[in-house]
N, C-alpha and C. Protein backbone atom coordinates (compact mmCIF):
# COMPACT_ATOMS: atom_id res chain seq x y z
N UNK A 1 -1.33 -4.68 -5.95
CA UNK A 1 -0.43 -3.41 -5.75
C UNK A 1 -0.84 -3.20 -3.90
N UNK A 2 0.49 -3.11 -3.35
CA UNK A 2 0.39 -2.85 -1.93
C UNK A 2 -0.26 -1.79 -1.42
N UNK A 3 -0.19 -0.42 -2.24
CA UNK A 3 -0.97 0.71 -1.63
C UNK A 3 -2.30 0.55 -1.75
N UNK A 4 -3.00 -0.19 -2.72
CA UNK A 4 -4.57 -0.15 -2.69
C UNK A 4 -5.03 -1.12 -1.82
N UNK A 5 -3.87 -2.01 -1.67
CA UNK A 5 -4.30 -3.39 -0.29
C UNK A 5 -4.48 -2.63 1.31
N UNK A 6 -3.51 -1.68 1.57
CA UNK A 6 -3.53 -0.79 2.94
C UNK A 6 -4.85 0.24 2.43
N UNK A 7 -4.63 0.75 1.53
CA UNK A 7 -5.85 1.78 1.68
C UNK A 7 -7.20 0.89 1.92
N UNK A 8 -7.53 -0.29 1.24
CA UNK A 8 -8.47 -0.66 1.23
C UNK A 8 -8.67 -1.05 2.94
N UNK A 9 -7.94 -1.81 3.22
CA UNK A 9 -8.02 -2.34 4.80
C UNK A 9 -8.34 -1.49 5.96
N UNK A 10 -7.62 -0.05 5.84
CA UNK A 10 -7.72 0.83 6.74
C UNK A 10 -8.92 1.60 6.52
N UNK A 11 -9.51 1.84 5.45
CA UNK A 11 -10.75 2.57 5.04
C UNK A 11 -11.99 1.43 5.55
N UNK A 12 -12.01 0.14 5.52
CA UNK A 12 -12.95 -0.85 5.93
C UNK A 12 -12.68 -0.78 7.26
N UNK A 13 -11.47 -0.91 8.27
CA UNK A 13 -11.53 -0.76 9.53
C UNK A 13 -11.87 0.73 10.01
N UNK A 14 -11.78 1.31 9.32
CA UNK A 14 -12.57 2.79 10.04
C UNK A 14 -14.12 2.82 9.70
N UNK A 15 -14.65 2.14 8.76
CA UNK A 15 -16.05 2.25 8.22
C UNK A 15 -16.53 1.45 9.22
N UNK A 16 -16.32 0.27 9.63
CA UNK A 16 -16.62 -0.63 10.54
C UNK A 16 -16.95 0.22 12.00
N UNK A 17 -15.81 0.81 12.16
CA UNK A 17 -16.05 1.59 13.61
C UNK A 17 -17.10 2.41 13.46
N UNK A 18 -17.40 3.40 12.11
CA UNK A 18 -18.11 4.11 12.29
C UNK A 18 -19.82 3.69 11.84
N UNK A 19 -19.97 2.25 11.41
CA UNK A 19 -20.91 1.82 11.57
C UNK A 19 -21.64 1.28 12.87
N UNK A 20 -20.67 0.79 13.77
CA UNK A 20 -20.90 0.47 15.04
C UNK A 20 -21.40 1.56 15.80
N UNK A 21 -20.69 2.85 15.50
CA UNK A 21 -20.82 4.15 16.46
C UNK A 21 -21.82 5.34 15.89
N UNK A 22 -22.21 4.66 14.69
CA UNK A 22 -23.26 5.69 13.65
C UNK A 22 -22.57 6.87 13.73
N UNK A 23 -21.30 6.76 13.36
CA UNK A 23 -20.70 7.87 12.72
C UNK A 23 -19.70 8.04 11.57
N UNK A 24 -20.46 7.63 10.65
CA UNK A 24 -19.60 7.26 9.27
C UNK A 24 -19.62 8.72 8.60
N UNK A 25 -20.70 9.38 8.66
CA UNK A 25 -20.47 10.92 8.08
C UNK A 25 -19.60 11.39 8.89
N UNK A 26 -19.79 11.55 9.88
CA UNK A 26 -18.73 12.30 11.04
C UNK A 26 -17.19 12.18 10.51
N UNK A 27 -16.92 10.93 10.59
CA UNK A 27 -15.50 10.58 10.55
C UNK A 27 -15.07 11.04 8.64
N UNK A 28 -16.09 10.87 7.74
CA UNK A 28 -15.77 11.38 6.42
C UNK A 28 -15.62 12.85 6.72
N UNK A 29 -16.31 13.64 7.20
CA UNK A 29 -15.87 15.06 7.47
C UNK A 29 -14.83 15.35 7.86
N UNK A 30 -14.54 14.56 9.21
CA UNK A 30 -13.19 14.93 9.85
C UNK A 30 -12.05 14.62 9.19
N UNK A 31 -12.05 13.12 8.34
CA UNK A 31 -10.60 12.71 7.55
C UNK A 31 -10.67 14.05 6.50
N UNK A 32 -11.94 14.44 5.79
CA UNK A 32 -11.63 15.45 4.75
C UNK A 32 -11.21 16.55 5.47
N UNK A 33 -11.41 17.10 6.36
CA UNK A 33 -11.05 18.56 7.14
C UNK A 33 -9.43 18.29 7.30
N UNK A 34 -9.18 17.13 7.96
CA UNK A 34 -7.90 17.19 7.96
C UNK A 34 -6.52 17.05 7.05
N UNK A 35 -7.45 16.24 6.05
CA UNK A 35 -6.64 16.09 4.77
C UNK A 35 -6.67 17.49 4.01
N UNK A 36 -7.56 18.31 4.38
CA UNK A 36 -7.79 19.60 3.50
C UNK A 36 -6.48 20.21 4.16
N UNK A 37 -6.59 20.40 5.66
CA UNK A 37 -5.77 21.38 6.37
C UNK A 37 -4.14 20.82 5.82
N UNK A 38 -3.88 19.65 6.03
CA UNK A 38 -2.60 19.42 5.61
C UNK A 38 -2.08 19.75 4.26
N UNK A 39 -3.01 19.49 3.19
CA UNK A 39 -2.83 20.16 1.87
C UNK A 39 -2.63 21.46 1.77
N UNK A 40 -3.43 22.38 2.83
CA UNK A 40 -3.22 23.93 2.68
C UNK A 40 -2.38 24.30 3.39
N UNK A 41 -1.50 23.30 4.10
CA UNK A 41 -0.34 24.10 4.78
C UNK A 41 0.98 23.14 4.69
N UNK A 42 1.58 23.03 3.54
CA UNK A 42 2.35 22.15 2.58
C UNK A 42 3.48 22.12 4.31
N UNK A 43 4.08 23.03 4.91
CA UNK A 43 5.49 22.81 5.91
C UNK A 43 4.80 21.46 6.91
N UNK A 44 3.05 21.95 7.25
CA UNK A 44 2.66 20.87 8.37
C UNK A 44 2.76 19.69 7.78
N UNK A 45 2.29 19.50 6.51
CA UNK A 45 2.35 18.03 5.61
C UNK A 45 3.43 17.68 5.62
N UNK A 46 4.45 18.01 5.57
CA UNK A 46 5.85 17.54 5.22
C UNK A 46 6.26 17.24 6.78
N UNK A 47 5.99 18.06 7.84
CA UNK A 47 6.41 17.41 9.13
C UNK A 47 5.83 16.22 9.46
N UNK A 48 4.40 15.92 9.46
CA UNK A 48 3.54 14.92 9.58
C UNK A 48 3.67 13.91 8.87
N UNK A 49 3.88 14.03 7.85
CA UNK A 49 4.19 12.93 6.72
C UNK A 49 5.79 12.61 6.55
N UNK A 50 6.86 13.36 6.83
CA UNK A 50 8.20 13.01 6.94
C UNK A 50 8.49 12.11 7.73
N UNK A 51 9.69 12.01 8.10
CA UNK A 51 10.23 11.16 9.02
C UNK A 51 11.48 11.93 9.74
N UNK A 52 11.47 13.02 9.50
CA UNK A 52 12.84 14.18 9.85
C UNK A 52 12.47 14.12 11.43
N UNK A 53 11.06 14.62 11.92
CA UNK A 53 10.95 14.60 13.43
C UNK A 53 10.80 13.22 14.00
N UNK A 54 10.71 12.85 15.13
CA UNK A 54 10.48 11.71 15.94
C UNK A 54 8.42 11.33 16.03
N UNK A 55 8.58 10.01 15.47
CA UNK A 55 7.05 9.56 15.54
C UNK A 55 6.30 10.35 16.44
N UNK A 56 6.77 10.33 18.08
CA UNK A 56 5.74 11.12 19.02
C UNK A 56 5.58 12.28 18.70
N UNK A 57 6.92 13.14 18.25
CA UNK A 57 6.98 14.44 18.03
C UNK A 57 5.49 14.68 16.82
N UNK A 58 5.47 14.06 15.84
CA UNK A 58 4.82 14.28 15.00
C UNK A 58 3.27 14.15 15.11
N UNK A 59 3.33 12.81 16.35
CA UNK A 59 1.94 12.40 16.60
C UNK A 59 1.19 13.48 17.40
N UNK A 60 2.16 14.22 18.33
CA UNK A 60 1.65 15.30 19.15
C UNK A 60 1.29 16.57 18.36
N UNK A 61 2.19 16.74 17.47
CA UNK A 61 1.62 18.17 16.38
C UNK A 61 0.34 17.83 15.91
N UNK A 62 0.25 16.76 15.54
CA UNK A 62 -0.96 16.34 14.66
C UNK A 62 -2.19 16.74 15.78
N UNK A 63 -2.08 15.57 16.79
CA UNK A 63 -3.06 16.19 18.08
C UNK A 63 -3.53 17.40 17.94
N UNK A 64 -2.49 18.12 18.02
CA UNK A 64 -2.49 19.55 18.63
C UNK A 64 -3.84 20.04 17.43
N UNK A 65 -3.05 19.97 16.20
CA UNK A 65 -3.90 20.23 14.89
C UNK A 65 -5.34 19.74 15.02
N UNK A 66 -5.79 18.45 15.16
CA UNK A 66 -6.76 17.58 15.47
C UNK A 66 -7.78 18.39 16.26
N UNK A 67 -7.08 18.71 17.71
CA UNK A 67 -7.99 19.61 18.63
C UNK A 67 -8.14 21.02 18.04
N UNK A 68 -7.66 21.62 17.73
CA UNK A 68 -8.06 22.92 16.92
C UNK A 68 -8.98 22.53 15.76
N UNK A 69 -9.31 21.54 15.08
CA UNK A 69 -10.12 21.24 14.04
C UNK A 69 -11.37 20.75 14.58
N UNK A 70 -11.40 20.30 16.24
CA UNK A 70 -12.36 19.43 16.69
C UNK A 70 -12.81 18.10 16.01
N UNK A 71 -11.67 17.60 15.84
CA UNK A 71 -11.71 16.00 15.66
C UNK A 71 -11.97 15.24 16.69
N UNK A 72 -12.97 13.99 16.27
CA UNK A 72 -13.30 13.15 17.46
C UNK A 72 -12.05 12.00 17.74
N UNK A 73 -12.34 11.64 18.84
CA UNK A 73 -11.15 10.83 19.43
C UNK A 73 -10.98 9.61 18.80
N UNK A 74 -11.92 8.90 17.99
CA UNK A 74 -11.96 8.03 17.21
C UNK A 74 -10.84 8.45 15.88
N UNK A 75 -11.18 9.27 15.28
CA UNK A 75 -10.37 9.52 14.11
C UNK A 75 -8.83 10.24 14.88
N UNK A 76 -8.94 10.83 15.75
CA UNK A 76 -7.50 11.08 15.99
C UNK A 76 -6.68 9.90 16.32
N UNK A 77 -7.14 8.64 16.98
CA UNK A 77 -6.51 7.38 17.38
C UNK A 77 -6.42 6.78 16.11
N UNK A 78 -7.50 6.75 15.22
CA UNK A 78 -7.24 6.10 13.68
C UNK A 78 -5.75 6.95 12.82
N UNK A 79 -6.02 8.48 12.91
CA UNK A 79 -4.48 8.88 12.52
C UNK A 79 -3.15 8.90 13.16
N UNK A 80 -3.36 8.66 14.26
CA UNK A 80 -2.16 7.99 15.11
C UNK A 80 -1.45 7.00 14.81
N UNK A 81 -2.44 6.18 14.58
CA UNK A 81 -1.89 4.69 14.09
C UNK A 81 -1.47 4.69 12.92
N UNK A 82 -1.87 5.61 11.99
CA UNK A 82 -1.43 5.62 10.83
C UNK A 82 0.13 6.18 10.91
N UNK A 83 0.22 7.14 11.95
CA UNK A 83 1.76 7.68 11.93
C UNK A 83 2.41 6.27 12.80
N UNK A 84 1.97 5.65 13.63
CA UNK A 84 2.59 4.49 14.45
C UNK A 84 3.23 3.52 13.31
N UNK A 85 2.17 3.27 12.02
CA UNK A 85 2.41 2.01 11.13
C UNK A 85 3.15 2.52 9.99
N UNK A 86 3.53 3.96 9.95
CA UNK A 86 4.26 5.08 8.86
C UNK A 86 3.08 4.31 7.75
N UNK A 87 2.23 5.02 7.84
CA UNK A 87 1.15 4.67 6.91
C UNK A 87 0.24 6.16 6.53
N UNK A 88 0.67 7.11 7.55
CA UNK A 88 0.21 8.30 7.03
C UNK A 88 0.12 8.90 5.60
N UNK A 89 1.11 8.96 4.84
CA UNK A 89 0.80 9.23 3.41
C UNK A 89 -0.06 8.69 2.95
N UNK A 90 -0.59 7.59 3.14
CA UNK A 90 -1.84 7.11 2.42
C UNK A 90 -3.40 7.67 2.71
N UNK A 91 -3.14 8.64 3.35
CA UNK A 91 -4.30 9.50 4.27
C UNK A 91 -5.20 9.58 3.05
N UNK A 92 -4.68 10.57 2.06
CA UNK A 92 -5.74 10.75 0.95
C UNK A 92 -6.12 9.62 0.33
N UNK A 93 -5.62 8.61 0.04
CA UNK A 93 -6.25 7.49 -0.78
C UNK A 93 -7.12 6.66 0.05
N UNK A 94 -6.79 6.37 1.26
CA UNK A 94 -7.86 6.13 2.42
C UNK A 94 -9.18 6.71 2.41
N UNK A 95 -9.03 8.07 2.55
CA UNK A 95 -10.25 8.92 2.47
C UNK A 95 -11.07 8.84 1.06
N UNK A 96 -10.36 8.54 0.41
CA UNK A 96 -10.96 8.30 -1.21
C UNK A 96 -11.90 7.15 -0.83
N UNK A 97 -11.36 5.90 -0.90
CA UNK A 97 -11.73 4.63 -0.31
C UNK A 97 -12.99 4.88 0.53
N UNK A 98 -12.33 5.36 1.51
CA UNK A 98 -13.67 5.45 2.80
C UNK A 98 -14.95 5.83 2.17
N UNK A 99 -14.64 6.98 1.17
CA UNK A 99 -15.81 7.71 0.87
C UNK A 99 -16.50 6.87 -0.31
N UNK A 100 -16.07 6.09 -0.98
CA UNK A 100 -16.47 4.89 -1.86
C UNK A 100 -17.14 4.26 -1.15
N UNK A 101 -16.70 3.36 0.14
CA UNK A 101 -17.51 2.88 0.88
C UNK A 101 -18.84 3.22 1.65
N UNK A 102 -18.46 4.18 1.99
CA UNK A 102 -19.53 4.98 2.61
C UNK A 102 -21.03 5.29 1.56
N UNK A 103 -20.56 5.77 0.30
CA UNK A 103 -21.31 5.84 -0.80
C UNK A 103 -22.23 4.74 -1.07
N UNK A 104 -21.36 3.63 -1.05
CA UNK A 104 -21.92 2.39 -1.39
C UNK A 104 -23.25 2.01 -0.31
N UNK A 105 -22.60 1.91 1.02
CA UNK A 105 -23.59 1.78 2.02
C UNK A 105 -24.62 2.73 2.19
N UNK A 106 -24.48 3.97 1.99
CA UNK A 106 -25.88 4.90 1.73
C UNK A 106 -26.60 4.72 0.54
N UNK A 107 -26.18 4.40 -0.55
CA UNK A 107 -26.63 4.43 -1.92
C UNK A 107 -26.63 5.45 -2.40
N UNK A 108 -25.57 6.15 -2.62
CA UNK A 108 -25.10 7.40 -3.36
C UNK A 108 -23.89 7.31 -4.28
N UNK A 109 -23.96 8.16 -5.37
CA UNK A 109 -23.03 8.27 -6.04
C UNK A 109 -22.22 9.39 -6.48
N UNK A 110 -20.96 9.80 -6.67
CA UNK A 110 -20.63 10.91 -7.12
C UNK A 110 -20.32 11.17 -8.32
N UNK A 111 -20.48 12.19 -8.97
CA UNK A 111 -20.69 12.68 -10.34
C UNK A 111 -19.68 13.66 -10.31
N UNK A 112 -18.68 13.84 -11.30
CA UNK A 112 -17.50 14.70 -11.54
C UNK A 112 -18.04 15.47 -12.76
N UNK A 113 -17.81 16.89 -12.80
CA UNK A 113 -18.60 17.65 -13.60
C UNK A 113 -17.80 18.74 -13.96
N UNK A 114 -17.23 18.68 -15.12
CA UNK A 114 -16.10 19.72 -15.74
C UNK A 114 -17.01 20.67 -16.84
N UNK A 115 -16.78 22.09 -16.27
CA UNK A 115 -17.09 22.96 -17.41
C UNK A 115 -16.13 24.12 -17.34
N UNK A 116 -16.25 24.76 -18.60
CA UNK A 116 -15.33 25.80 -19.23
C UNK A 116 -15.20 27.16 -18.01
N UNK A 117 -16.34 27.59 -17.44
CA UNK A 117 -16.52 28.42 -16.26
C UNK A 117 -17.85 28.01 -15.48
N UNK A 118 -17.77 28.84 -14.35
CA UNK A 118 -18.88 28.58 -13.51
C UNK A 118 -19.99 28.57 -14.18
N UNK A 119 -20.80 27.60 -13.56
CA UNK A 119 -22.39 27.38 -13.76
C UNK A 119 -23.28 28.04 -12.89
N UNK A 120 -24.20 28.57 -13.34
CA UNK A 120 -25.60 29.12 -12.06
C UNK A 120 -25.78 27.95 -11.22
N UNK A 121 -26.07 28.27 -10.11
CA UNK A 121 -26.58 26.98 -8.88
C UNK A 121 -27.97 26.73 -9.63
N UNK A 122 -28.52 27.17 -10.24
CA UNK A 122 -29.96 26.78 -10.59
C UNK A 122 -29.66 25.66 -11.55
N UNK A 123 -28.83 25.79 -12.41
CA UNK A 123 -28.15 24.68 -13.62
C UNK A 123 -27.68 23.56 -12.90
N UNK A 124 -26.95 23.62 -11.91
CA UNK A 124 -26.20 22.79 -11.25
C UNK A 124 -27.15 21.78 -10.40
N UNK A 125 -28.25 22.48 -9.92
CA UNK A 125 -29.36 21.98 -9.30
C UNK A 125 -30.13 20.85 -10.02
N UNK A 126 -30.33 21.42 -11.16
CA UNK A 126 -31.02 20.47 -12.50
C UNK A 126 -30.44 19.49 -12.57
N UNK A 127 -29.16 19.86 -12.92
CA UNK A 127 -28.09 18.58 -13.65
C UNK A 127 -28.19 17.44 -12.23
N UNK A 128 -28.27 17.81 -10.90
CA UNK A 128 -28.14 16.82 -9.97
C UNK A 128 -29.51 16.17 -9.77
N UNK A 129 -30.54 17.03 -10.09
CA UNK A 129 -31.82 16.36 -9.96
C UNK A 129 -31.98 15.38 -11.04
N UNK A 130 -31.35 15.61 -12.24
CA UNK A 130 -31.32 14.56 -13.26
C UNK A 130 -30.52 13.33 -13.26
N UNK A 131 -29.15 13.51 -12.75
CA UNK A 131 -28.73 12.33 -12.33
C UNK A 131 -29.45 11.55 -11.44
N UNK A 132 -29.88 12.06 -10.40
CA UNK A 132 -30.78 11.03 -9.09
C UNK A 132 -31.85 10.84 -9.84
N UNK A 133 -32.67 11.22 -11.02
CA UNK A 133 -33.59 10.55 -11.80
C UNK A 133 -33.16 9.29 -12.44
N UNK A 134 -31.92 9.56 -13.20
CA UNK A 134 -31.42 8.55 -13.76
C UNK A 134 -30.98 7.32 -12.95
N UNK A 135 -30.21 7.72 -11.95
CA UNK A 135 -29.35 6.67 -10.96
C UNK A 135 -30.36 6.15 -10.24
N UNK A 136 -31.52 6.66 -9.43
CA UNK A 136 -32.17 6.17 -8.37
C UNK A 136 -31.56 6.42 -7.21
N UNK A 137 -30.50 7.15 -7.31
CA UNK A 137 -29.45 7.23 -5.98
C UNK A 137 -29.13 8.87 -5.75
N UNK A 138 -28.92 9.26 -4.56
CA UNK A 138 -28.50 10.74 -4.50
C UNK A 138 -26.98 10.54 -4.85
N UNK A 139 -26.94 12.32 -5.54
CA UNK A 139 -25.90 12.50 -6.18
C UNK A 139 -25.18 13.51 -5.41
N UNK A 140 -23.65 13.39 -5.24
CA UNK A 140 -22.97 14.36 -5.02
C UNK A 140 -22.16 14.97 -6.21
N UNK A 141 -22.35 16.27 -6.50
CA UNK A 141 -21.68 16.82 -7.67
C UNK A 141 -20.46 17.28 -7.07
N UNK A 142 -19.20 17.11 -8.05
CA UNK A 142 -17.89 17.73 -7.74
C UNK A 142 -17.52 18.34 -9.04
N UNK A 143 -17.56 19.54 -8.72
CA UNK A 143 -17.85 20.70 -10.04
C UNK A 143 -16.12 21.08 -10.15
N UNK A 144 -15.93 21.10 -11.19
CA UNK A 144 -14.22 21.75 -11.34
C UNK A 144 -14.37 22.52 -12.63
N UNK A 145 -13.48 23.48 -12.89
CA UNK A 145 -13.77 24.32 -14.22
C UNK A 145 -12.15 24.05 -14.83
N UNK A 146 -12.24 24.08 -16.07
CA UNK A 146 -11.26 23.87 -17.18
C UNK A 146 -11.96 24.63 -18.60
N UNK A 147 -10.99 25.72 -18.67
CA UNK A 147 -10.97 26.57 -19.74
C UNK A 147 -10.85 25.86 -21.03
N UNK A 148 -10.01 24.84 -20.86
CA UNK A 148 -9.33 23.93 -22.29
C UNK A 148 -10.72 23.51 -22.98
N UNK A 149 -11.82 23.13 -22.54
CA UNK A 149 -13.05 22.48 -22.97
C UNK A 149 -13.93 23.44 -23.75
N UNK A 150 -13.39 24.71 -23.75
CA UNK A 150 -13.97 25.72 -24.32
C UNK A 150 -15.37 25.98 -23.91
N UNK A 151 -16.25 25.27 -24.02
CA UNK A 151 -17.54 25.29 -23.48
C UNK A 151 -18.51 23.65 -23.31
N UNK A 152 -19.52 24.09 -23.17
CA UNK A 152 -20.31 22.38 -22.84
C UNK A 152 -19.89 21.93 -21.22
N UNK A 153 -19.79 20.61 -21.28
CA UNK A 153 -19.76 20.14 -20.32
C UNK A 153 -19.38 18.74 -20.21
N UNK A 154 -18.40 18.28 -19.44
CA UNK A 154 -17.84 16.52 -19.40
C UNK A 154 -18.09 16.05 -17.89
N UNK A 155 -18.93 14.99 -17.78
CA UNK A 155 -19.47 14.52 -16.81
C UNK A 155 -19.02 13.25 -16.45
N UNK A 156 -18.50 12.69 -15.45
CA UNK A 156 -18.43 11.32 -15.15
C UNK A 156 -18.79 10.79 -14.11
N UNK A 157 -19.77 9.85 -14.32
CA UNK A 157 -20.82 9.17 -13.17
C UNK A 157 -20.20 7.85 -12.97
N UNK A 158 -20.01 7.52 -12.22
CA UNK A 158 -19.79 6.22 -12.14
C UNK A 158 -18.30 5.77 -12.81
N UNK A 159 -18.31 5.02 -13.79
CA UNK A 159 -17.43 4.53 -14.85
C UNK A 159 -17.81 5.34 -16.10
N UNK A 160 -18.89 5.79 -16.15
CA UNK A 160 -19.36 6.37 -17.69
C UNK A 160 -19.12 7.85 -17.72
N UNK A 161 -18.48 8.01 -18.95
CA UNK A 161 -18.07 9.46 -19.23
C UNK A 161 -18.97 9.79 -20.33
N UNK A 162 -19.68 11.04 -19.76
CA UNK A 162 -20.55 11.79 -21.19
C UNK A 162 -19.57 13.14 -21.35
N UNK A 163 -19.28 13.15 -22.46
CA UNK A 163 -18.37 14.26 -22.96
C UNK A 163 -19.08 15.13 -23.95
N UNK A 164 -19.80 16.28 -23.49
CA UNK A 164 -20.58 17.20 -24.29
C UNK A 164 -19.94 18.53 -24.47
N UNK A 165 -18.48 18.55 -24.48
CA UNK A 165 -17.68 19.70 -24.41
C UNK A 165 -17.39 20.24 -26.25
N UNK A 166 -17.08 21.46 -26.09
CA UNK A 166 -17.00 22.39 -27.57
C UNK A 166 -15.82 21.23 -28.29
N UNK A 167 -14.64 21.40 -27.22
CA UNK A 167 -13.35 21.02 -27.76
C UNK A 167 -13.76 19.90 -28.35
N UNK A 168 -14.09 18.38 -27.66
CA UNK A 168 -14.35 17.29 -28.35
C UNK A 168 -15.28 17.19 -29.54
N UNK A 169 -16.25 18.06 -29.65
CA UNK A 169 -16.95 17.95 -31.09
C UNK A 169 -16.09 18.90 -32.02
N UNK A 170 -15.35 19.81 -31.72
CA UNK A 170 -14.43 20.70 -32.69
C UNK A 170 -13.47 19.21 -33.30
N UNK A 171 -12.90 18.51 -32.12
CA UNK A 171 -12.24 17.47 -32.76
C UNK A 171 -12.63 16.53 -33.55
N UNK A 172 -14.10 15.99 -33.48
CA UNK A 172 -15.03 15.01 -34.24
C UNK A 172 -14.86 15.71 -35.49
N UNK A 173 -14.96 16.99 -35.83
CA UNK A 173 -15.05 17.71 -36.84
C UNK A 173 -14.04 17.68 -37.72
N UNK A 174 -12.95 17.95 -36.97
CA UNK A 174 -11.89 17.78 -37.73
C UNK A 174 -11.21 16.49 -38.09
N UNK A 175 -11.59 15.43 -37.33
CA UNK A 175 -11.48 14.15 -37.91
C UNK A 175 -12.49 13.68 -39.04
N UNK A 176 -13.46 14.14 -39.02
CA UNK A 176 -14.21 13.83 -40.13
C UNK A 176 -13.78 14.57 -41.52
N UNK A 177 -13.24 16.13 -41.53
CA UNK A 177 -12.47 16.80 -42.76
C UNK A 177 -11.22 16.21 -42.76
N UNK A 178 -10.44 15.26 -42.13
CA UNK A 178 -9.32 14.59 -42.45
C UNK A 178 -9.68 13.24 -43.09
N UNK A 179 -10.81 12.95 -42.62
CA UNK A 179 -11.14 11.26 -42.94
C UNK A 179 -11.72 11.58 -44.77
N UNK A 180 -12.67 13.02 -44.75
CA UNK A 180 -12.94 13.26 -46.34
C UNK A 180 -11.84 13.58 -47.24
N UNK A 181 -10.90 14.16 -46.39
CA UNK A 181 -9.44 14.47 -47.33
C UNK A 181 -8.99 13.38 -47.82
N UNK A 182 -8.97 12.22 -47.11
CA UNK A 182 -8.16 11.02 -47.25
C UNK A 182 -8.87 10.45 -48.28
N UNK A 183 -10.36 10.36 -48.66
CA UNK A 183 -11.20 9.56 -49.07
C UNK A 183 -11.22 10.08 -50.78
């Protein structure tokens, strides 16, 4: 797939610069800040990603935004290159791949946690500590709310999914009842 090879190449190129300059975390933070800013401002995103405005104007607009965000010169040049190569729309995917590469380098893992309603901070800290003991790595928790799970928690840690939601447990009970009626 062309998108994934593009994503990988650009992320690897930026991470190698980040390693040389001991700026990997800074680059991640700046890419995230830029991506969030574009997502929060759909009109700006359409201008930067689109082809209605000439490349030079899009780069000038992005440069002004990055200046206001306090983005480093390296990331500014990187994003400018993405515009030059008509690859700026890959920014969210490049950021995700960059995070994955950085996580591998520093020995951390991300855990996506889905809850029906917000959890107390103490519970999240305990959950994070538990995952860190199990994995032996630093864990970054990414918490999302989804009332459809009714209660409990669904966690994705690497490629493993732990589904302790009430919705899933109710579905299991329903299937067992249906199997019982068939037998």
